Amino acid sequence: MAIIITDECINCGACEPECPNTAIYEGGIEWSYGEGNNVTGDIELLSGDKVDVEKKHTPVDDDLYFIVPDKCTECVGFHEEPQCAAVCPVDCCVPDPDREETEDQLLYKKGSMHL
């Protein structure tokens, strides 16, 4: 599963620097797949869609920190547990029940962003 940030978020920002995939953004910030890695050109998502890594996308949330689901690997391949959840003082970084992913899928996402 990807991790989501719930409405209980207090916007402390503790989670953002902990993410090895640069998948966490402050509310209202545009994002791209290429931020925080050395990937260029297009990236193939688990859905099979190809996306230009430099293309800017609209924020997932305008008010609270958010996690881009297609960039979240639950820290698989980096840490034993999701680091955002480990540092969150209000426990608002939780698994997204709508995005169940296998360890192989999470490792695929990691591999596509970290060459």
Protein backbone atom coordinates (compact mmCIF):
# COMPACT_ATOMS: atom_id res chain seq x y z
CA MET A 1 0.00 0.00 0.00
CA ALA A 2 1.04 3.56 -0.51
CA ILE A 3 0.97 5.75 2.57
CA ILE A 4 -1.48 8.65 2.86
CA ILE A 5 -1.56 11.64 5.16
CA THR A 6 -4.91 12.04 6.90
CA ASP A 7 -6.77 15.20 7.84
CA GLU A 8 -5.28 14.96 11.34
CA CYS A 9 -2.02 16.36 9.89
CA ILE A 10 -0.77 19.41 11.81
CA ASN A 11 1.54 20.53 8.97
CA CYS A 12 4.66 20.12 11.09
CA GLY A 13 6.71 18.97 8.08
CA ALA A 14 8.60 16.26 9.98
CA CYS A 15 7.76 13.67 7.33
CA GLU A 16 8.96 15.48 4.21
CA PRO A 17 12.76 15.23 4.70
CA GLU A 18 12.49 11.58 5.76
CA CYS A 19 11.10 10.35 2.43
CA PRO A 20 13.79 8.64 0.32
CA ASN A 21 11.62 9.05 -2.80
CA THR A 22 10.76 12.74 -2.43
CA ALA A 23 7.11 11.67 -2.48
CA ILE A 24 5.96 14.06 0.26
CA TYR A 25 5.10 17.67 -0.48
CA GLU A 26 3.74 20.63 1.40
CA GLY A 27 0.14 21.45 0.55
CA GLY A 28 -0.28 23.55 -2.55
CA ILE A 29 3.11 22.64 -4.07
CA GLU A 30 3.36 21.33 -7.63
CA TRP A 31 5.41 18.14 -7.97
CA SER A 32 7.14 15.99 -10.58
CA TYR A 33 8.39 12.42 -10.77
CA GLY A 34 11.95 13.61 -11.39
CA GLU A 35 12.36 15.52 -8.15
CA GLY A 36 14.84 13.92 -5.79
CA ASN A 37 16.29 11.40 -8.22
CA ASN A 38 18.48 11.18 -11.31
CA VAL A 39 15.83 9.89 -13.74
CA THR A 40 15.41 11.70 -17.05
CA GLY A 41 12.94 11.33 -19.89
CA ASP A 42 9.88 9.20 -19.23
CA ILE A 43 9.04 6.90 -16.32
CA GLU A 44 6.66 3.96 -16.61
CA LEU A 45 4.16 3.78 -13.76
CA LEU A 46 2.66 0.57 -12.39
CA SER A 47 -0.45 1.36 -14.41
CA GLY A 48 1.64 1.16 -17.60
CA ASP A 49 1.29 4.89 -18.27
CA LYS A 50 4.45 6.72 -19.29
CA VAL A 51 5.01 10.16 -17.82
CA ASP A 52 7.65 12.83 -18.48
CA VAL A 53 9.58 13.07 -15.20
CA GLU A 54 9.97 16.84 -15.54
CA LYS A 55 6.26 17.56 -16.04
CA LYS A 56 4.78 19.50 -13.14
CA HIS A 57 1.57 18.11 -11.62
CA THR A 58 -1.05 19.87 -9.58
CA PRO A 59 -0.92 19.39 -5.81
CA VAL A 60 -2.78 16.40 -4.37
CA ASP A 61 -3.87 18.67 -1.49
CA ASP A 62 -3.85 22.44 -1.22
CA ASP A 63 -3.82 22.74 2.57
CA LEU A 64 -2.02 19.75 4.12
CA TYR A 65 1.16 17.85 3.37
CA PHE A 66 0.47 15.05 0.89
CA ILE A 67 2.13 11.93 -0.49
CA VAL A 68 2.21 11.22 -4.23
CA PRO A 69 1.01 7.60 -4.34
CA ASP A 70 2.94 6.64 -7.47
CA LYS A 71 6.20 7.80 -5.83
CA CYS A 72 5.57 6.15 -2.44
CA THR A 73 7.30 2.81 -1.87
CA GLU A 74 6.57 2.61 1.87
CA CYS A 75 10.37 2.93 2.17
CA VAL A 76 10.74 -0.67 0.92
CA GLY A 77 14.34 -1.15 -0.16
CA PHE A 78 15.49 1.69 2.08
CA HIS A 79 14.17 1.14 5.62
CA GLU A 80 12.34 -1.44 7.71
CA GLU A 81 9.26 0.80 8.05
CA PRO A 82 7.81 3.90 6.41
CA GLN A 83 9.86 6.77 7.79
CA CYS A 84 7.04 9.32 7.51
CA ALA A 85 4.93 7.22 9.89
CA ALA A 86 7.89 6.71 12.22
CA VAL A 87 8.45 10.45 12.73
CA CYS A 88 4.85 11.70 12.61
CA PRO A 89 3.91 13.16 16.01
CA VAL A 90 0.16 12.70 15.43
CA ASP A 91 0.18 9.34 13.61
CA CYS A 92 -1.48 10.69 10.47
CA CYS A 93 0.76 8.82 7.99
CA VAL A 94 -1.15 5.59 7.48
CA PRO A 95 -1.47 2.86 4.82
CA ASP A 96 -3.89 3.73 2.02
CA PRO A 97 -6.48 0.93 1.91
CA ASP A 98 -7.35 1.90 -1.67
CA ARG A 99 -3.79 1.26 -2.96
CA GLU A 100 -2.66 -2.21 -1.99
CA GLU A 101 0.70 -3.05 -3.58
CA THR A 102 2.96 -6.06 -3.27
CA GLU A 103 6.57 -5.83 -2.19
CA ASP A 104 7.57 -6.57 -5.80
CA GLN A 105 5.48 -3.62 -7.01
CA LEU A 106 7.01 -1.33 -4.39
CA LEU A 107 10.50 -2.46 -5.40
CA TYR A 108 9.62 -1.82 -9.06
CA LYS A 109 8.64 1.76 -8.20
CA LYS A 110 11.87 2.19 -6.22
CA GLY A 111 13.92 0.85 -9.13
CA SER A 112 12.23 3.12 -11.64
CA MET A 113 13.05 6.22 -9.59
CA HIS A 114 16.53 5.29 -8.40
CA LEU A 115 18.74 4.09 -11.24
